[in-house]
Amino acid sequence: MARIIATWLAALVLVAPAAAQRAPEALPEAEPAPVIYALLQISLKPGKVASGEFRSRMEAIRSCPEAVKVAAELGAEVVRNARVSPEQLPPKLRPVLENLPVGHATPVFTGSGNTLRVLVLCQRS
């Protein structure tokens, strides 16, 4: 009986290191959650404020409450977009928003009728 236990222990010592060296089974990778943005769109019709002033005021924004305040001071229109996926945005804006810090505005772009616009990133989730 003692010989059987000794043989079994010897076998266990030889097998255990081999089992420990096996690569762990790969767990299925979870897909990353889709990115959703909360955005403010600030639009200013031509002639209300010089485009240079609008641009410099938008570049200085560091939060969404500040963006709303600055828009009101300039007489600009603010539209809130709480749940925007990248697929809903024009392709040229997607990389801009990927790298934009929260609270900052995109570079100024023009819309129909030369309306000046920016998007302010309020949240990325």
Protein backbone atom coordinates (compact mmCIF):
# COMPACT_ATOMS: atom_id res chain seq x y z
CA MET A 1 0.00 0.00 0.00
CA ALA A 2 2.82 2.39 0.89
CA ARG A 3 4.47 1.56 -2.41
CA ILE A 4 1.27 2.48 -4.31
CA ILE A 5 1.00 5.82 -2.50
CA ALA A 6 4.69 6.55 -3.15
CA THR A 7 4.26 5.71 -6.84
CA TRP A 8 1.13 7.84 -7.07
CA LEU A 9 2.89 10.81 -5.39
CA ALA A 10 5.87 10.44 -7.74
CA ALA A 11 3.52 10.47 -10.73
CA LEU A 12 1.72 13.51 -9.37
CA VAL A 13 5.01 15.38 -8.97
CA LEU A 14 5.90 14.60 -12.60
CA VAL A 15 2.47 15.51 -14.02
CA ALA A 16 1.79 18.66 -11.98
CA PRO A 17 4.56 20.80 -13.51
CA ALA A 18 3.48 19.80 -17.01
CA ALA A 19 -0.11 20.75 -16.23
CA ALA A 20 1.02 24.06 -14.78
CA GLN A 21 2.95 24.86 -17.98
CA ARG A 22 -0.06 24.46 -20.24
CA ALA A 23 -1.38 27.69 -21.59
CA PRO A 24 -4.63 28.74 -20.00
CA GLU A 25 -7.63 28.44 -22.22
CA ALA A 26 -8.40 31.72 -23.89
CA LEU A 27 -11.53 33.39 -22.71
CA PRO A 28 -13.75 34.79 -25.42
CA GLU A 29 -13.00 38.48 -25.81
CA ALA A 30 -15.91 40.73 -25.01
CA GLU A 31 -16.71 43.22 -27.71
CA PRO A 32 -16.06 46.79 -26.61
CA ALA A 33 -19.15 48.77 -25.77
CA PRO A 34 -20.17 51.10 -28.58
CA VAL A 35 -19.12 54.71 -28.11
CA ILE A 36 -21.93 57.18 -27.50
CA TYR A 37 -21.41 60.94 -27.41
CA ALA A 38 -23.37 63.67 -25.66
CA LEU A 39 -22.89 66.77 -27.79
CA LEU A 40 -23.89 70.40 -27.99
CA GLN A 41 -24.13 71.90 -31.44
CA ILE A 42 -23.57 75.64 -31.44
CA SER A 43 -24.62 77.48 -34.61
CA LEU A 44 -24.14 81.13 -35.45
CA LYS A 45 -25.72 82.74 -38.48
CA PRO A 46 -23.49 84.97 -40.61
CA GLY A 47 -23.23 88.63 -39.65
CA LYS A 48 -24.00 88.25 -35.92
CA VAL A 49 -20.35 88.11 -34.83
CA ALA A 50 -17.10 88.12 -36.78
CA SER A 51 -15.99 84.60 -37.63
CA GLY A 52 -12.60 85.18 -35.96
CA GLU A 53 -14.26 86.11 -32.67
CA PHE A 54 -16.57 83.10 -32.87
CA ARG A 55 -13.59 80.84 -33.57
CA SER A 56 -11.51 82.19 -30.67
CA ARG A 57 -14.43 82.02 -28.22
CA MET A 58 -15.15 78.41 -29.21
CA GLU A 59 -11.48 77.39 -28.88
CA ALA A 60 -11.47 78.68 -25.29
CA ILE A 61 -14.42 76.51 -24.17
CA ARG A 62 -13.57 73.89 -21.53
CA SER A 63 -17.00 72.68 -20.37
CA CYS A 64 -20.54 72.31 -21.63
CA PRO A 65 -22.04 74.80 -19.15
CA GLU A 66 -19.42 77.30 -20.32
CA ALA A 67 -20.34 76.54 -23.94
CA VAL A 68 -24.01 77.32 -23.28
CA LYS A 69 -23.05 80.60 -21.59
CA VAL A 70 -20.74 81.68 -24.42
CA ALA A 71 -23.36 80.75 -27.03
CA ALA A 72 -25.93 82.93 -25.26
CA GLU A 73 -23.47 85.85 -25.13
CA LEU A 74 -22.90 85.54 -28.88
CA GLY A 75 -26.58 85.05 -29.76
CA ALA A 76 -25.88 81.57 -31.12
CA GLU A 77 -28.31 78.67 -31.25
CA VAL A 78 -27.63 75.62 -29.06
CA VAL A 79 -28.96 72.15 -29.82
CA ARG A 80 -28.40 69.30 -27.36
CA ASN A 81 -27.79 65.82 -28.72
CA ALA A 82 -27.69 63.36 -25.82
CA ARG A 83 -27.06 60.05 -27.61
CA VAL A 84 -25.06 60.26 -30.81
CA SER A 85 -23.14 57.30 -32.20
CA PRO A 86 -20.13 57.83 -34.46
CA GLU A 87 -22.08 56.32 -37.37
CA GLN A 88 -24.53 59.23 -37.17
CA LEU A 89 -21.77 61.77 -37.75
CA PRO A 90 -20.17 62.84 -41.01
CA PRO A 91 -17.06 60.71 -41.67
CA LYS A 92 -14.73 63.73 -41.37
CA LEU A 93 -15.94 64.47 -37.82
CA ARG A 94 -15.49 60.95 -36.44
CA PRO A 95 -11.70 61.10 -35.89
CA VAL A 96 -11.99 64.63 -34.50
CA LEU A 97 -14.40 63.50 -31.77
CA GLU A 98 -12.37 60.36 -31.01
CA ASN A 99 -9.44 62.54 -29.92
CA LEU A 100 -11.29 65.60 -28.57
CA PRO A 101 -11.07 66.12 -24.80
CA VAL A 102 -14.42 66.23 -23.00
CA GLY A 103 -15.60 69.83 -22.61
CA HIS A 104 -13.84 71.08 -25.74
CA ALA A 105 -15.24 72.22 -29.08
CA THR A 106 -14.41 70.90 -32.52
CA PRO A 107 -12.84 73.25 -35.02
CA VAL A 108 -15.37 75.58 -36.61
CA PHE A 109 -17.09 74.28 -39.73
CA THR A 110 -19.68 75.92 -41.96
CA GLY A 111 -23.15 74.69 -42.58
CA SER A 112 -25.78 75.72 -45.07
CA GLY A 113 -25.86 79.45 -45.75
CA ASN A 114 -22.37 79.90 -44.28
CA THR A 115 -23.65 79.30 -40.75
CA LEU A 116 -20.70 78.77 -38.39
CA ARG A 117 -20.94 75.62 -36.30
CA VAL A 118 -19.04 73.65 -33.67
CA LEU A 119 -19.79 70.54 -31.68
CA VAL A 120 -18.87 70.53 -28.01
CA LEU A 121 -18.17 67.11 -26.51
CA CYS A 122 -20.01 66.91 -23.18
CA GLN A 123 -19.62 63.18 -22.52
CA ARG A 124 -18.13 60.09 -24.09
CA SER A 125 -19.40 56.72 -22.89
